[in-house]
Amino acid sequence: MSDHPSPTISLSNQVVVLDMASPFVVIGTLTGEDDHYYIIDDVDVHDLRDTSTTRELYVVETRRHGVRSNRKRALIRKSDVVGLSRLSDVLL
C-alpha cells in the first residue's frame, strides 16, 4: 500500500468521464475505489457500437444535457480505463 494519496481523491463525489480501452464510455459519480476498481454511481455505461455517435460527441452532449443513468452503480476495472476526467472539464 502506498503512502501517497490517490490522484483521483480530488475527483471523489464528482461526475466523471471514464474513457475505456473498449468501445465503451462510462459517465457517472465517482464514489470510491480500491486497488482494482472504480465505484461509479448513477452511471451511464454507453456502448458506442450501439450508435453512430462518436465518443467525443456523446460526451459533449452529456455535458450539455446531463447524465442519462442506466445503472445505479457499476464497478469499473481500472486496467480497462485509458482516461479519467471531470465531466465539467469537457470543453463545449
C-alpha atoms as a PDB file:
ATOM      1  CA  MET A   1       0.000   0.000   0.000  1.00  0.00           C
ATOM      2  CA  SER A   2       1.320   3.440  -0.908  1.00  0.00           C
ATOM      3  CA  ASP A   3       1.721   6.348   1.497  1.00  0.00           C
ATOM      4  CA  HIS A   4       0.710   8.707  -1.322  1.00  0.00           C
ATOM      5  CA  PRO A   5      -2.938   9.697  -1.715  1.00  0.00           C
ATOM      6  CA  SER A   6      -4.726   8.509  -4.825  1.00  0.00           C
ATOM      7  CA  PRO A   7      -4.539  11.027  -7.681  1.00  0.00           C
ATOM      8  CA  THR A   8      -8.308  10.647  -8.016  1.00  0.00           C
ATOM      9  CA  ILE A   9      -9.007  11.921  -4.478  1.00  0.00           C
ATOM     10  CA  SER A  10      -9.917  15.353  -5.883  1.00  0.00           C
ATOM     11  CA  LEU A  11     -12.463  13.673  -8.175  1.00  0.00           C
ATOM     12  CA  SER A  12     -14.311  11.949  -5.342  1.00  0.00           C
ATOM     13  CA  ASN A  13     -18.079  12.582  -5.487  1.00  0.00           C
ATOM     14  CA  GLN A  14     -17.690  14.378  -8.815  1.00  0.00           C
ATOM     15  CA  VAL A  15     -19.322  13.410 -12.097  1.00  0.00           C
ATOM     16  CA  VAL A  16     -16.536  11.884 -14.181  1.00  0.00           C
ATOM     17  CA  VAL A  17     -15.951  10.514 -17.666  1.00  0.00           C
ATOM     18  CA  LEU A  18     -14.036   7.257 -17.962  1.00  0.00           C
ATOM     19  CA  ASP A  19     -12.736   6.620 -21.457  1.00  0.00           C
ATOM     20  CA  MET A  20     -12.365   2.893 -21.828  1.00  0.00           C
ATOM     21  CA  ALA A  21      -9.928   0.882 -23.942  1.00  0.00           C
ATOM     22  CA  SER A  22     -13.022  -0.852 -25.333  1.00  0.00           C
ATOM     23  CA  PRO A  23     -15.790   0.886 -27.322  1.00  0.00           C
ATOM     24  CA  PHE A  24     -17.489   1.998 -24.103  1.00  0.00           C
ATOM     25  CA  VAL A  25     -17.624   5.307 -22.306  1.00  0.00           C
ATOM     26  CA  VAL A  26     -18.693   5.480 -18.668  1.00  0.00           C
ATOM     27  CA  ILE A  27     -20.111   8.664 -17.116  1.00  0.00           C
ATOM     28  CA  GLY A  28     -21.233   8.954 -13.508  1.00  0.00           C
ATOM     29  CA  THR A  29     -20.336   9.933  -9.960  1.00  0.00           C
ATOM     30  CA  LEU A  30     -17.048   8.556  -8.649  1.00  0.00           C
ATOM     31  CA  THR A  31     -17.914   7.436  -5.112  1.00  0.00           C
ATOM     32  CA  GLY A  32     -14.969   5.197  -4.288  1.00  0.00           C
ATOM     33  CA  GLU A  33     -12.189   2.950  -5.467  1.00  0.00           C
ATOM     34  CA  ASP A  34      -9.961   0.116  -4.393  1.00  0.00           C
ATOM     35  CA  ASP A  35      -6.788  -1.302  -5.914  1.00  0.00           C
ATOM     36  CA  HIS A  36      -8.622  -2.733  -8.923  1.00  0.00           C
ATOM     37  CA  TYR A  37     -11.968  -0.953  -9.387  1.00  0.00           C
ATOM     38  CA  TYR A  38     -13.575   2.471  -9.543  1.00  0.00           C
ATOM     39  CA  ILE A  39     -17.023   2.630  -7.948  1.00  0.00           C
ATOM     40  CA  ILE A  40     -19.325   4.771 -10.062  1.00  0.00           C
ATOM     41  CA  ASP A  41     -22.889   5.656  -9.009  1.00  0.00           C
ATOM     42  CA  ASP A  42     -25.809   6.986 -11.082  1.00  0.00           C
ATOM     43  CA  VAL A  43     -23.864   5.814 -14.077  1.00  0.00           C
ATOM     44  CA  ASP A  44     -24.320   5.754 -17.831  1.00  0.00           C
ATOM     45  CA  VAL A  45     -22.430   2.809 -19.324  1.00  0.00           C
ATOM     46  CA  HIS A  46     -22.640   3.573 -23.037  1.00  0.00           C
ATOM     47  CA  ASP A  47     -21.666   1.114 -25.769  1.00  0.00           C
ATOM     48  CA  LEU A  48     -20.525   3.201 -28.727  1.00  0.00           C
ATOM     49  CA  ARG A  49     -21.246   0.283 -31.074  1.00  0.00           C
ATOM     50  CA  ASP A  50     -24.972   0.911 -30.487  1.00  0.00           C
ATOM     51  CA  THR A  51     -24.910   4.348 -32.100  1.00  0.00           C
ATOM     52  CA  SER A  52     -23.314   6.274 -34.941  1.00  0.00           C
ATOM     53  CA  THR A  53     -22.231   8.991 -32.479  1.00  0.00           C
ATOM     54  CA  THR A  54     -18.521   9.401 -31.778  1.00  0.00           C
ATOM     55  CA  ARG A  55     -17.134   9.174 -28.252  1.00  0.00           C
ATOM     56  CA  GLU A  56     -16.358  12.895 -28.145  1.00  0.00           C
ATOM     57  CA  LEU A  57     -19.781  13.952 -29.405  1.00  0.00           C
ATOM     58  CA  TYR A  58     -21.510  11.652 -26.900  1.00  0.00           C
ATOM     59  CA  VAL A  59     -19.504  13.133 -24.011  1.00  0.00           C
ATOM     60  CA  VAL A  60     -20.147  16.719 -25.156  1.00  0.00           C
ATOM     61  CA  GLU A  61     -23.889  16.019 -25.466  1.00  0.00           C
ATOM     62  CA  THR A  62     -23.864  14.506 -21.975  1.00  0.00           C
ATOM     63  CA  ARG A  63     -22.153  17.633 -20.655  1.00  0.00           C
ATOM     64  CA  ARG A  64     -24.827  19.795 -22.290  1.00  0.00           C
ATOM     65  CA  HIS A  65     -27.886  17.744 -21.309  1.00  0.00           C
ATOM     66  CA  GLY A  66     -26.852  15.761 -18.232  1.00  0.00           C
ATOM     67  CA  VAL A  67     -26.049  12.138 -17.457  1.00  0.00           C
ATOM     68  CA  ARG A  68     -28.610   9.604 -18.656  1.00  0.00           C
ATOM     69  CA  SER A  69     -28.081   6.964 -15.978  1.00  0.00           C
ATOM     70  CA  ASN A  70     -28.818   3.370 -16.899  1.00  0.00           C
ATOM     71  CA  ARG A  71     -27.350   1.791 -13.772  1.00  0.00           C
ATOM     72  CA  LYS A  72     -27.464   2.684 -10.098  1.00  0.00           C
ATOM     73  CA  ARG A  73     -23.881   1.518  -9.521  1.00  0.00           C
ATOM     74  CA  ALA A  74     -21.078  -0.013 -11.578  1.00  0.00           C
ATOM     75  CA  LEU A  75     -17.639  -1.310 -10.705  1.00  0.00           C
ATOM     76  CA  ILE A  76     -15.217  -0.381 -13.468  1.00  0.00           C
ATOM     77  CA  ARG A  77     -11.896  -2.220 -13.705  1.00  0.00           C
ATOM     78  CA  LYS A  78      -9.073   0.329 -13.556  1.00  0.00           C
ATOM     79  CA  SER A  79      -6.919  -1.590 -16.020  1.00  0.00           C
ATOM     80  CA  ASP A  80      -9.601  -1.019 -18.701  1.00  0.00           C
ATOM     81  CA  VAL A  81      -9.613   2.775 -18.280  1.00  0.00           C
ATOM     82  CA  VAL A  82      -7.424   4.886 -20.568  1.00  0.00           C
ATOM     83  CA  GLY A  83      -8.611   8.304 -19.387  1.00  0.00           C
ATOM     84  CA  LEU A  84     -10.464   9.852 -16.452  1.00  0.00           C
ATOM     85  CA  SER A  85     -11.684  13.442 -16.143  1.00  0.00           C
ATOM     86  CA  ARG A  86     -14.451  15.539 -14.629  1.00  0.00           C
ATOM     87  CA  LEU A  87     -17.444  15.943 -16.902  1.00  0.00           C
ATOM     88  CA  SER A  88     -17.292  19.664 -16.101  1.00  0.00           C
ATOM     89  CA  ASP A  89     -13.783  19.760 -17.649  1.00  0.00           C
ATOM     90  CA  VAL A  90     -15.147  18.706 -21.057  1.00  0.00           C
ATOM     91  CA  LEU A  91     -14.923  21.687 -23.386  1.00  0.00           C
ATOM     92  CA  LEU A  92     -18.066  22.708 -25.226  1.00  0.00           C
END
